[in-house]
């Protein structure tokens, strides 16, 4: 497996991003020590002895997406852990699209977050692929999580067809001769992005050779029942349906990709009952960009209210 690593200088002087990098080496192929390792990046801010808030990004962003949320979460006394998925941000990037699979992404994050960081008492927030991967982790080790927050994400098991907007995105990622990461993120917002922020989303990808993971991700979403990861997602749903700890939905009002996706969680997950589910107004797919400080305050209030309730 050919592994690419983005030069550090690509991450110099990013706007509103003063955070120190942290790295861990994880197995390239789970269970095969001869296959080598990948260097995976994560942010770790706030008091180290506090219960962590785990922020997981999706496609094609990286943990830079959470720069507007981290200050408010840390100011409220929380530890914040925000990894870069393999193939994104400062994490290593296998060079071939065939090196990526849904199962490998779950295994890579499981090794980082459970085996190496040993996160416990976690408040989880996931958006886009951050939810698809993160919710598999919640299902694999529900005892590690105190509460869950989801926004603009899902856990597809092939039983329902995605939106037309998603299929258009899937085709674009496969067929477009260019794949402008920063511009793609900008188009997924309601308010647009400044040039320096667009450049920051481009920073992990010096050229198209680094974009194999970003290109591959949309085609890894289970869209039919015979997808190789559909059975694993169905099994995860069986666990999540019984998850009775607090679960909050914070979907935005202007995302054609995941519109209505909260309904599955509200219908199926026990822990959603009685929670103050919130619609984030005037926000697109990347609600962290459009309403990051507001979303951070929603998460802080959710933690405070459920902690008072004994969760």
C-alpha atoms as a PDB file:
ATOM      1  CA  UNK A   1       0.000   0.000   0.000  1.00  0.00           C
ATOM      2  CA  UNK A   2       1.499   3.328  -1.064  1.00  0.00           C
ATOM      3  CA  UNK A   3       1.063   5.945   1.682  1.00  0.00           C
ATOM      4  CA  UNK A   4       1.206   9.704   1.103  1.00  0.00           C
ATOM      5  CA  UNK A   5       1.842  12.257   3.847  1.00  0.00           C
ATOM      6  CA  UNK A   6       0.962  15.924   3.399  1.00  0.00           C
ATOM      7  CA  UNK A   7       3.962  18.177   4.142  1.00  0.00           C
ATOM      8  CA  UNK A   8       3.631  20.082   7.416  1.00  0.00           C
ATOM      9  CA  UNK A   9       4.163  23.434   5.728  1.00  0.00           C
ATOM     10  CA  UNK A  10       0.799  23.052   4.013  1.00  0.00           C
ATOM     11  CA  UNK A  11      -0.809  23.636   7.429  1.00  0.00           C
ATOM     12  CA  UNK A  12       1.033  26.810   8.371  1.00  0.00           C
ATOM     13  CA  UNK A  13      -0.950  29.953   9.236  1.00  0.00           C
ATOM     14  CA  UNK A  14      -4.432  28.552   8.738  1.00  0.00           C
ATOM     15  CA  UNK A  15      -7.181  31.009   9.787  1.00  0.00           C
ATOM     16  CA  UNK A  16      -8.500  30.633  13.341  1.00  0.00           C
ATOM     17  CA  UNK A  17      -6.684  27.335  13.787  1.00  0.00           C
ATOM     18  CA  UNK A  18      -4.023  27.621  16.497  1.00  0.00           C
ATOM     19  CA  UNK A  19      -4.319  24.003  17.637  1.00  0.00           C
ATOM     20  CA  UNK A  20      -1.310  21.766  18.196  1.00  0.00           C
ATOM     21  CA  UNK A  21      -1.254  18.503  16.247  1.00  0.00           C
ATOM     22  CA  UNK A  22      -1.236  15.094  17.947  1.00  0.00           C
ATOM     23  CA  UNK A  23      -0.366  11.838  16.201  1.00  0.00           C
ATOM     24  CA  UNK A  24      -0.750   8.113  16.707  1.00  0.00           C
ATOM     25  CA  UNK A  25       0.522   5.202  14.638  1.00  0.00           C
ATOM     26  CA  UNK A  26      -2.141   2.611  13.867  1.00  0.00           C
ATOM     27  CA  UNK A  27      -2.136  -0.626  11.903  1.00  0.00           C
ATOM     28  CA  UNK A  28      -2.605  -0.187   8.176  1.00  0.00           C
ATOM     29  CA  UNK A  29      -4.429  -3.523   8.060  1.00  0.00           C
ATOM     30  CA  UNK A  30      -6.067  -4.646  11.301  1.00  0.00           C
ATOM     31  CA  UNK A  31      -4.550  -7.849  12.614  1.00  0.00           C
ATOM     32  CA  UNK A  32      -1.583  -7.794  10.221  1.00  0.00           C
ATOM     33  CA  UNK A  33       1.508  -6.280  11.877  1.00  0.00           C
ATOM     34  CA  UNK A  34       3.550  -6.885   8.724  1.00  0.00           C
ATOM     35  CA  UNK A  35       1.413  -4.418   6.746  1.00  0.00           C
ATOM     36  CA  UNK A  36       2.957  -1.367   8.400  1.00  0.00           C
ATOM     37  CA  UNK A  37       1.359   1.606  10.077  1.00  0.00           C
ATOM     38  CA  UNK A  38      -0.487   4.809   9.291  1.00  0.00           C
ATOM     39  CA  UNK A  39       0.106   8.076  11.115  1.00  0.00           C
ATOM     40  CA  UNK A  40      -3.269   9.464  12.197  1.00  0.00           C
ATOM     41  CA  UNK A  41      -3.752  13.034  13.385  1.00  0.00           C
ATOM     42  CA  UNK A  42      -6.126  14.319  16.034  1.00  0.00           C
ATOM     43  CA  UNK A  43      -6.736  17.462  18.062  1.00  0.00           C
ATOM     44  CA  UNK A  44      -6.882  17.164  21.846  1.00  0.00           C
ATOM     45  CA  UNK A  45      -7.912  20.412  23.534  1.00  0.00           C
ATOM     46  CA  UNK A  46      -9.127  21.313  27.019  1.00  0.00           C
ATOM     47  CA  UNK A  47      -8.537  19.630  30.384  1.00  0.00           C
ATOM     48  CA  UNK A  48      -7.161  16.140  29.939  1.00  0.00           C
ATOM     49  CA  UNK A  49      -9.091  14.767  32.913  1.00  0.00           C
ATOM     50  CA  UNK A  50     -12.497  15.946  31.669  1.00  0.00           C
ATOM     51  CA  UNK A  51     -14.955  13.645  29.924  1.00  0.00           C
ATOM     52  CA  UNK A  52     -14.251  14.025  26.186  1.00  0.00           C
ATOM     53  CA  UNK A  53     -16.432  15.410  23.449  1.00  0.00           C
ATOM     54  CA  UNK A  54     -15.563  13.477  20.289  1.00  0.00           C
ATOM     55  CA  UNK A  55     -16.067  15.484  17.093  1.00  0.00           C
ATOM     56  CA  UNK A  56     -15.933  13.478  13.871  1.00  0.00           C
ATOM     57  CA  UNK A  57     -15.823  15.115  10.466  1.00  0.00           C
ATOM     58  CA  UNK A  58     -16.973  13.741   7.136  1.00  0.00           C
ATOM     59  CA  UNK A  59     -16.370  14.085   3.400  1.00  0.00           C
ATOM     60  CA  UNK A  60     -14.297  15.879   2.130  1.00  0.00           C
ATOM     61  CA  UNK A  61     -13.432  18.010   5.155  1.00  0.00           C
ATOM     62  CA  UNK A  62     -11.062  17.528   8.103  1.00  0.00           C
ATOM     63  CA  UNK A  63     -10.919  18.602  11.743  1.00  0.00           C
ATOM     64  CA  UNK A  64     -10.442  22.223  10.641  1.00  0.00           C
ATOM     65  CA  UNK A  65     -14.242  22.063  10.286  1.00  0.00           C
ATOM     66  CA  UNK A  66     -14.556  22.296  14.079  1.00  0.00           C
ATOM     67  CA  UNK A  67     -12.390  25.354  14.671  1.00  0.00           C
ATOM     68  CA  UNK A  68     -15.426  27.560  15.466  1.00  0.00           C
ATOM     69  CA  UNK A  69     -16.816  25.056  17.972  1.00  0.00           C
ATOM     70  CA  UNK A  70     -13.742  24.071  19.968  1.00  0.00           C
ATOM     71  CA  UNK A  71     -13.313  27.384  21.861  1.00  0.00           C
ATOM     72  CA  UNK A  72     -16.859  27.314  23.277  1.00  0.00           C
ATOM     73  CA  UNK A  73     -16.640  23.644  24.209  1.00  0.00           C
ATOM     74  CA  UNK A  74     -13.294  24.107  25.967  1.00  0.00           C
ATOM     75  CA  UNK A  75     -14.514  27.277  27.694  1.00  0.00           C
ATOM     76  CA  UNK A  76     -17.343  25.219  29.182  1.00  0.00           C
ATOM     77  CA  UNK A  77     -14.764  22.918  30.768  1.00  0.00           C
ATOM     78  CA  UNK A  78     -14.782  20.064  28.279  1.00  0.00           C
ATOM     79  CA  UNK A  79     -11.997  18.084  26.684  1.00  0.00           C
ATOM     80  CA  UNK A  80     -12.363  18.002  22.892  1.00  0.00           C
ATOM     81  CA  UNK A  81     -10.933  15.251  20.693  1.00  0.00           C
ATOM     82  CA  UNK A  82     -11.250  15.734  16.929  1.00  0.00           C
ATOM     83  CA  UNK A  83      -9.496  13.197  14.675  1.00  0.00           C
ATOM     84  CA  UNK A  84      -8.710  13.437  11.008  1.00  0.00           C
ATOM     85  CA  UNK A  85     -10.006  10.378   9.200  1.00  0.00           C
ATOM     86  CA  UNK A  86      -7.409   8.415   7.264  1.00  0.00           C
ATOM     87  CA  UNK A  87      -7.065  10.074   3.870  1.00  0.00           C
ATOM     88  CA  UNK A  88      -7.943  13.538   5.200  1.00  0.00           C
ATOM     89  CA  UNK A  89      -6.359  16.469   7.016  1.00  0.00           C
ATOM     90  CA  UNK A  90      -2.976  15.753   8.583  1.00  0.00           C
ATOM     91  CA  UNK A  91      -3.588  11.989   8.633  1.00  0.00           C
ATOM     92  CA  UNK A  92      -1.753   9.730   6.202  1.00  0.00           C
ATOM     93  CA  UNK A  93      -3.368   9.088   2.829  1.00  0.00           C
ATOM     94  CA  UNK A  94      -3.286   5.705   1.090  1.00  0.00           C
ATOM     95  CA  UNK A  95      -2.778   6.524  -2.566  1.00  0.00           C
ATOM     96  CA  UNK A  96      -5.245   4.120  -4.229  1.00  0.00           C
ATOM     97  CA  UNK A  97      -9.030   4.339  -3.999  1.00  0.00           C
ATOM     98  CA  UNK A  98      -9.119   0.565  -3.525  1.00  0.00           C
ATOM     99  CA  UNK A  99      -7.188   0.977  -0.267  1.00  0.00           C
ATOM    100  CA  UNK A 100     -10.292   2.497   1.325  1.00  0.00           C
ATOM    101  CA  UNK A 101     -13.338   0.655   2.603  1.00  0.00           C
ATOM    102  CA  UNK A 102     -16.046   1.432   5.124  1.00  0.00           C
ATOM    103  CA  UNK A 103     -14.852  -1.431   7.340  1.00  0.00           C
ATOM    104  CA  UNK A 104     -11.263  -0.167   7.269  1.00  0.00           C
ATOM    105  CA  UNK A 105     -12.328   3.342   8.283  1.00  0.00           C
ATOM    106  CA  UNK A 106     -14.199   1.892  11.263  1.00  0.00           C
ATOM    107  CA  UNK A 107     -11.221  -0.256  12.229  1.00  0.00           C
ATOM    108  CA  UNK A 108      -8.775   2.642  11.890  1.00  0.00           C
ATOM    109  CA  UNK A 109     -10.842   4.927  14.131  1.00  0.00           C
ATOM    110  CA  UNK A 110     -11.534   2.122  16.597  1.00  0.00           C
ATOM    111  CA  UNK A 111      -7.816   1.553  17.071  1.00  0.00           C
ATOM    112  CA  UNK A 112      -7.142   5.268  17.535  1.00  0.00           C
ATOM    113  CA  UNK A 113     -10.044   6.155  19.812  1.00  0.00           C
ATOM    114  CA  UNK A 114     -10.457   2.949  21.804  1.00  0.00           C
ATOM    115  CA  UNK A 115      -7.189   1.007  21.736  1.00  0.00           C
ATOM    116  CA  UNK A 116      -4.810   3.973  21.889  1.00  0.00           C
ATOM    117  CA  UNK A 117      -6.690   6.927  23.424  1.00  0.00           C
ATOM    118  CA  UNK A 118      -9.022   4.692  25.473  1.00  0.00           C
ATOM    119  CA  UNK A 119     -11.803   7.281  25.425  1.00  0.00           C
ATOM    120  CA  UNK A 120     -14.490   6.784  28.070  1.00  0.00           C
ATOM    121  CA  UNK A 121     -17.574   8.804  29.169  1.00  0.00           C
ATOM    122  CA  UNK A 122     -17.727  10.218  25.643  1.00  0.00           C
ATOM    123  CA  UNK A 123     -20.173  12.738  24.240  1.00  0.00           C
ATOM    124  CA  UNK A 124     -20.197  11.986  20.532  1.00  0.00           C
ATOM    125  CA  UNK A 125     -20.973  14.382  17.709  1.00  0.00           C
ATOM    126  CA  UNK A 126     -20.830  13.218  14.099  1.00  0.00           C
ATOM    127  CA  UNK A 127     -21.749  14.794  10.776  1.00  0.00           C
ATOM    128  CA  UNK A 128     -21.707  13.247   7.303  1.00  0.00           C
ATOM    129  CA  UNK A 129     -19.233  10.295   7.290  1.00  0.00           C
ATOM    130  CA  UNK A 130     -18.335  11.228  10.855  1.00  0.00           C
ATOM    131  CA  UNK A 131     -21.724   9.771  11.735  1.00  0.00           C
ATOM    132  CA  UNK A 132     -21.490   6.746   9.466  1.00  0.00           C
ATOM    133  CA  UNK A 133     -18.187   5.768  11.066  1.00  0.00           C
ATOM    134  CA  UNK A 134     -18.794   7.119  14.557  1.00  0.00           C
ATOM    135  CA  UNK A 135     -22.155   5.450  15.028  1.00  0.00           C
ATOM    136  CA  UNK A 136     -20.563   2.116  14.208  1.00  0.00           C
ATOM    137  CA  UNK A 137     -18.152   2.850  17.070  1.00  0.00           C
ATOM    138  CA  UNK A 138     -21.039   3.715  19.394  1.00  0.00           C
ATOM    139  CA  UNK A 139     -22.704   0.433  18.504  1.00  0.00           C
ATOM    140  CA  UNK A 140     -19.469  -1.511  19.003  1.00  0.00           C
ATOM    141  CA  UNK A 141     -18.815  -0.083  22.476  1.00  0.00           C
ATOM    142  CA  UNK A 142     -21.923   1.680  23.823  1.00  0.00           C
ATOM    143  CA  UNK A 143     -20.519   1.544  27.353  1.00  0.00           C
ATOM    144  CA  UNK A 144     -17.885   4.119  26.351  1.00  0.00           C
ATOM    145  CA  UNK A 145     -20.493   6.756  25.414  1.00  0.00           C
ATOM    146  CA  UNK A 146     -22.562   8.883  27.807  1.00  0.00           C
ATOM    147  CA  UNK A 147     -24.587  10.606  25.099  1.00  0.00           C
ATOM    148  CA  UNK A 148     -24.827  11.068  21.342  1.00  0.00           C
ATOM    149  CA  UNK A 149     -25.447  14.095  19.114  1.00  0.00           C
ATOM    150  CA  UNK A 150     -25.964  13.702  15.374  1.00  0.00           C
ATOM    151  CA  UNK A 151     -26.314  16.329  12.664  1.00  0.00           C
ATOM    152  CA  UNK A 152     -26.687  15.893   8.906  1.00  0.00           C
ATOM    153  CA  UNK A 153     -25.729  12.233   8.939  1.00  0.00           C
ATOM    154  CA  UNK A 154     -27.218   8.762   8.993  1.00  0.00           C
ATOM    155  CA  UNK A 155     -26.462   5.073   9.183  1.00  0.00           C
ATOM    156  CA  UNK A 156     -27.658   3.665   5.843  1.00  0.00           C
ATOM    157  CA  UNK A 157     -28.161  -0.084   5.634  1.00  0.00           C
ATOM    158  CA  UNK A 158     -29.342  -0.289   2.034  1.00  0.00           C
ATOM    159  CA  UNK A 159     -33.015  -0.534   2.919  1.00  0.00           C
ATOM    160  CA  UNK A 160     -33.908   2.960   1.701  1.00  0.00           C
ATOM    161  CA  UNK A 161     -32.751   4.736  -1.438  1.00  0.00           C
ATOM    162  CA  UNK A 162     -30.676   7.889  -0.879  1.00  0.00           C
ATOM    163  CA  UNK A 163     -31.824  11.232  -2.234  1.00  0.00           C
ATOM    164  CA  UNK A 164     -31.289  12.242  -5.855  1.00  0.00           C
ATOM    165  CA  UNK A 165     -28.875  14.861  -4.558  1.00  0.00           C
ATOM    166  CA  UNK A 166     -26.742  12.129  -3.046  1.00  0.00           C
ATOM    167  CA  UNK A 167     -26.658  10.082  -6.248  1.00  0.00           C
ATOM    168  CA  UNK A 168     -25.594  13.212  -8.149  1.00  0.00           C
ATOM    169  CA  UNK A 169     -22.791  13.740  -5.639  1.00  0.00           C
ATOM    170  CA  UNK A 170     -21.738  10.094  -5.961  1.00  0.00           C
ATOM    171  CA  UNK A 171     -21.514  10.396  -9.756  1.00  0.00           C
ATOM    172  CA  UNK A 172     -19.586  13.658  -9.501  1.00  0.00           C
ATOM    173  CA  UNK A 173     -16.996  12.139  -7.173  1.00  0.00           C
ATOM    174  CA  UNK A 174     -16.431   9.241  -9.586  1.00  0.00           C
ATOM    175  CA  UNK A 175     -16.551  11.054 -12.915  1.00  0.00           C
ATOM    176  CA  UNK A 176     -15.523  14.680 -12.523  1.00  0.00           C
ATOM    177  CA  UNK A 177     -12.092  15.361 -14.050  1.00  0.00           C
ATOM    178  CA  UNK A 178     -11.394  17.768 -11.182  1.00  0.00           C
ATOM    179  CA  UNK A 179     -12.272  17.453  -7.514  1.00  0.00           C
ATOM    180  CA  UNK A 180     -11.818  20.885  -5.867  1.00  0.00           C
ATOM    181  CA  UNK A 181     -12.058  20.079  -2.166  1.00  0.00           C
ATOM    182  CA  UNK A 182     -12.354  23.614  -0.797  1.00  0.00           C
ATOM    183  CA  UNK A 183     -14.923  24.624  -3.386  1.00  0.00           C
ATOM    184  CA  UNK A 184     -16.941  21.479  -2.642  1.00  0.00           C
ATOM    185  CA  UNK A 185     -17.073  22.346   1.050  1.00  0.00           C
ATOM    186  CA  UNK A 186     -18.035  25.928   0.192  1.00  0.00           C
ATOM    187  CA  UNK A 187     -20.921  24.707  -1.964  1.00  0.00           C
ATOM    188  CA  UNK A 188     -22.136  22.662   0.992  1.00  0.00           C
ATOM    189  CA  UNK A 189     -22.644  25.762   3.124  1.00  0.00           C
ATOM    190  CA  UNK A 190     -25.488  28.260   3.140  1.00  0.00           C
ATOM    191  CA  UNK A 191     -23.310  31.303   3.740  1.00  0.00           C
ATOM    192  CA  UNK A 192     -20.262  30.572   1.593  1.00  0.00           C
ATOM    193  CA  UNK A 193     -16.611  30.595   2.638  1.00  0.00           C
ATOM    194  CA  UNK A 194     -13.828  33.130   2.356  1.00  0.00           C
ATOM    195  CA  UNK A 195     -10.861  32.418   0.120  1.00  0.00           C
ATOM    196  CA  UNK A 196      -8.522  31.673   3.025  1.00  0.00           C
ATOM    197  CA  UNK A 197     -10.941  29.127   4.492  1.00  0.00           C
ATOM    198  CA  UNK A 198     -11.370  27.449   1.105  1.00  0.00           C
ATOM    199  CA  UNK A 199      -7.570  27.279   0.882  1.00  0.00           C
ATOM    200  CA  UNK A 200      -7.449  25.646   4.321  1.00  0.00           C
ATOM    201  CA  UNK A 201      -9.742  22.865   3.124  1.00  0.00           C
ATOM    202  CA  UNK A 202      -7.472  22.433   0.108  1.00  0.00           C
ATOM    203  CA  UNK A 203      -4.338  22.355   2.264  1.00  0.00           C
ATOM    204  CA  UNK A 204      -4.259  18.579   2.945  1.00  0.00           C
ATOM    205  CA  UNK A 205      -4.258  17.821  -0.783  1.00  0.00           C
ATOM    206  CA  UNK A 206      -1.173  19.165  -2.599  1.00  0.00           C
ATOM    207  CA  UNK A 207      -2.332  17.493  -5.819  1.00  0.00           C
ATOM    208  CA  UNK A 208      -4.935  15.040  -7.079  1.00  0.00           C
ATOM    209  CA  UNK A 209      -2.807  12.081  -6.009  1.00  0.00           C
ATOM    210  CA  UNK A 210      -3.715  12.823  -2.384  1.00  0.00           C
ATOM    211  CA  UNK A 211      -7.477  12.740  -3.021  1.00  0.00           C
ATOM    212  CA  UNK A 212      -8.071   8.986  -3.319  1.00  0.00           C
ATOM    213  CA  UNK A 213      -9.952   8.839  -0.019  1.00  0.00           C
ATOM    214  CA  UNK A 214     -12.069  11.864  -0.840  1.00  0.00           C
ATOM    215  CA  UNK A 215     -12.918  10.406  -4.243  1.00  0.00           C
ATOM    216  CA  UNK A 216     -13.720   6.969  -2.805  1.00  0.00           C
ATOM    217  CA  UNK A 217     -15.931   7.934   0.129  1.00  0.00           C
ATOM    218  CA  UNK A 218     -19.253   8.589  -1.655  1.00  0.00           C
ATOM    219  CA  UNK A 219     -19.168   5.194  -3.353  1.00  0.00           C
ATOM    220  CA  UNK A 220     -18.650   3.453   0.023  1.00  0.00           C
ATOM    221  CA  UNK A 221     -22.093   4.493   1.311  1.00  0.00           C
ATOM    222  CA  UNK A 222     -24.370   1.414   1.419  1.00  0.00           C
ATOM    223  CA  UNK A 223     -27.137   2.168  -1.084  1.00  0.00           C
ATOM    224  CA  UNK A 224     -28.531  -1.362  -1.517  1.00  0.00           C
ATOM    225  CA  UNK A 225     -29.110  -4.385   0.654  1.00  0.00           C
ATOM    226  CA  UNK A 226     -26.301  -6.362  -0.973  1.00  0.00           C
ATOM    227  CA  UNK A 227     -23.626  -3.767  -0.141  1.00  0.00           C
ATOM    228  CA  UNK A 228     -20.820  -5.471   1.837  1.00  0.00           C
ATOM    229  CA  UNK A 229     -21.361  -3.177   4.837  1.00  0.00           C
ATOM    230  CA  UNK A 230     -25.171  -3.307   4.870  1.00  0.00           C
ATOM    231  CA  UNK A 231     -25.257  -6.289   7.294  1.00  0.00           C
ATOM    232  CA  UNK A 232     -22.836  -4.554   9.673  1.00  0.00           C
ATOM    233  CA  UNK A 233     -24.962  -1.403   9.654  1.00  0.00           C
ATOM    234  CA  UNK A 234     -28.117  -3.411  10.278  1.00  0.00           C
ATOM    235  CA  UNK A 235     -26.401  -5.037  13.244  1.00  0.00           C
ATOM    236  CA  UNK A 236     -25.328  -1.603  14.493  1.00  0.00           C
ATOM    237  CA  UNK A 237     -28.921  -0.370  14.263  1.00  0.00           C
ATOM    238  CA  UNK A 238     -30.019  -3.248  16.503  1.00  0.00           C
ATOM    239  CA  UNK A 239     -27.677  -1.947  19.185  1.00  0.00           C
ATOM    240  CA  UNK A 240     -28.534   1.716  18.659  1.00  0.00           C
ATOM    241  CA  UNK A 241     -32.271   1.034  18.866  1.00  0.00           C
ATOM    242  CA  UNK A 242     -31.682  -0.115  22.457  1.00  0.00           C
ATOM    243  CA  UNK A 243     -29.365   2.805  23.289  1.00  0.00           C
ATOM    244  CA  UNK A 244     -31.293   4.509  26.089  1.00  0.00           C
ATOM    245  CA  UNK A 245     -28.757   7.151  27.056  1.00  0.00           C
ATOM    246  CA  UNK A 246     -29.452  10.726  25.858  1.00  0.00           C
ATOM    247  CA  UNK A 247     -29.452  11.182  22.088  1.00  0.00           C
ATOM    248  CA  UNK A 248     -29.947  14.566  20.383  1.00  0.00           C
ATOM    249  CA  UNK A 249     -30.648  15.387  16.730  1.00  0.00           C
ATOM    250  CA  UNK A 250     -29.293  18.709  15.435  1.00  0.00           C
ATOM    251  CA  UNK A 251     -29.941  18.613  11.692  1.00  0.00           C
ATOM    252  CA  UNK A 252     -29.873  21.810   9.664  1.00  0.00           C
ATOM    253  CA  UNK A 253     -32.721  23.250   7.607  1.00  0.00           C
ATOM    254  CA  UNK A 254     -30.884  23.645   4.285  1.00  0.00           C
ATOM    255  CA  UNK A 255     -29.158  20.395   3.436  1.00  0.00           C
ATOM    256  CA  UNK A 256     -30.575  18.534   0.420  1.00  0.00           C
ATOM    257  CA  UNK A 257     -28.290  15.551   1.051  1.00  0.00           C
ATOM    258  CA  UNK A 258     -29.565  14.562   4.508  1.00  0.00           C
ATOM    259  CA  UNK A 259     -32.951  16.334   4.661  1.00  0.00           C
ATOM    260  CA  UNK A 260     -35.292  14.315   6.860  1.00  0.00           C
ATOM    261  CA  UNK A 261     -32.533  12.029   8.073  1.00  0.00           C
ATOM    262  CA  UNK A 262     -33.318  12.751  11.703  1.00  0.00           C
ATOM    263  CA  UNK A 263     -36.630  10.900  11.407  1.00  0.00           C
ATOM    264  CA  UNK A 264     -34.968   7.479  11.461  1.00  0.00           C
ATOM    265  CA  UNK A 265     -33.195   8.286  14.723  1.00  0.00           C
ATOM    266  CA  UNK A 266     -36.290   9.787  16.326  1.00  0.00           C
ATOM    267  CA  UNK A 267     -38.351   6.772  15.349  1.00  0.00           C
ATOM    268  CA  UNK A 268     -35.892   4.053  16.255  1.00  0.00           C
ATOM    269  CA  UNK A 269     -33.499   5.141  19.046  1.00  0.00           C
ATOM    270  CA  UNK A 270     -34.797   4.937  22.616  1.00  0.00           C
ATOM    271  CA  UNK A 271     -32.515   7.697  23.855  1.00  0.00           C
ATOM    272  CA  UNK A 272     -34.104  10.324  21.608  1.00  0.00           C
ATOM    273  CA  UNK A 273     -37.310  10.357  23.677  1.00  0.00           C
ATOM    274  CA  UNK A 274     -37.898  13.582  25.559  1.00  0.00           C
ATOM    275  CA  UNK A 275     -34.806  15.387  24.282  1.00  0.00           C
ATOM    276  CA  UNK A 276     -34.770  18.983  23.019  1.00  0.00           C
ATOM    277  CA  UNK A 277     -34.063  18.183  19.369  1.00  0.00           C
ATOM    278  CA  UNK A 278     -32.948  21.255  17.478  1.00  0.00           C
ATOM    279  CA  UNK A 279     -33.131  22.389  13.871  1.00  0.00           C
ATOM    280  CA  UNK A 280     -30.149  24.585  13.039  1.00  0.00           C
ATOM    281  CA  UNK A 281     -31.580  27.418  10.938  1.00  0.00           C
ATOM    282  CA  UNK A 282     -29.979  28.878   7.811  1.00  0.00           C
ATOM    283  CA  UNK A 283     -27.323  26.185   7.660  1.00  0.00           C
ATOM    284  CA  UNK A 284     -26.297  23.868   4.856  1.00  0.00           C
ATOM    285  CA  UNK A 285     -24.670  20.457   4.872  1.00  0.00           C
ATOM    286  CA  UNK A 286     -21.627  21.756   6.735  1.00  0.00           C
ATOM    287  CA  UNK A 287     -23.559  23.225   9.624  1.00  0.00           C
ATOM    288  CA  UNK A 288     -20.315  23.576  11.578  1.00  0.00           C
ATOM    289  CA  UNK A 289     -19.297  26.290   9.120  1.00  0.00           C
ATOM    290  CA  UNK A 290     -22.668  28.031   8.980  1.00  0.00           C
ATOM    291  CA  UNK A 291     -23.526  27.836  12.677  1.00  0.00           C
ATOM    292  CA  UNK A 292     -20.545  26.442  14.573  1.00  0.00           C
ATOM    293  CA  UNK A 293     -20.793  28.570  17.737  1.00  0.00           C
ATOM    294  CA  UNK A 294     -24.558  27.968  17.939  1.00  0.00           C
ATOM    295  CA  UNK A 295     -24.085  24.225  17.515  1.00  0.00           C
ATOM    296  CA  UNK A 296     -21.400  24.220  20.208  1.00  0.00           C
ATOM    297  CA  UNK A 297     -23.775  25.911  22.643  1.00  0.00           C
ATOM    298  CA  UNK A 298     -26.491  23.377  21.824  1.00  0.00           C
ATOM    299  CA  UNK A 299     -24.068  20.576  22.700  1.00  0.00           C
ATOM    300  CA  UNK A 300     -22.975  22.297  25.927  1.00  0.00           C
ATOM    301  CA  UNK A 301     -26.611  22.780  26.983  1.00  0.00           C
ATOM    302  CA  UNK A 302     -27.386  19.150  26.134  1.00  0.00           C
ATOM    303  CA  UNK A 303     -24.508  17.901  28.271  1.00  0.00           C
ATOM    304  CA  UNK A 304     -25.543  20.166  31.156  1.00  0.00           C
ATOM    305  CA  UNK A 305     -29.199  19.134  31.037  1.00  0.00           C
ATOM    306  CA  UNK A 306     -28.518  15.421  30.806  1.00  0.00           C
ATOM    307  CA  UNK A 307     -25.816  15.576  33.456  1.00  0.00           C
ATOM    308  CA  UNK A 308     -28.316  17.190  35.806  1.00  0.00           C
ATOM    309  CA  UNK A 309     -30.698  14.366  34.972  1.00  0.00           C
ATOM    310  CA  UNK A 310     -28.082  11.905  36.135  1.00  0.00           C
ATOM    311  CA  UNK A 311     -26.766  10.791  32.734  1.00  0.00           C
END
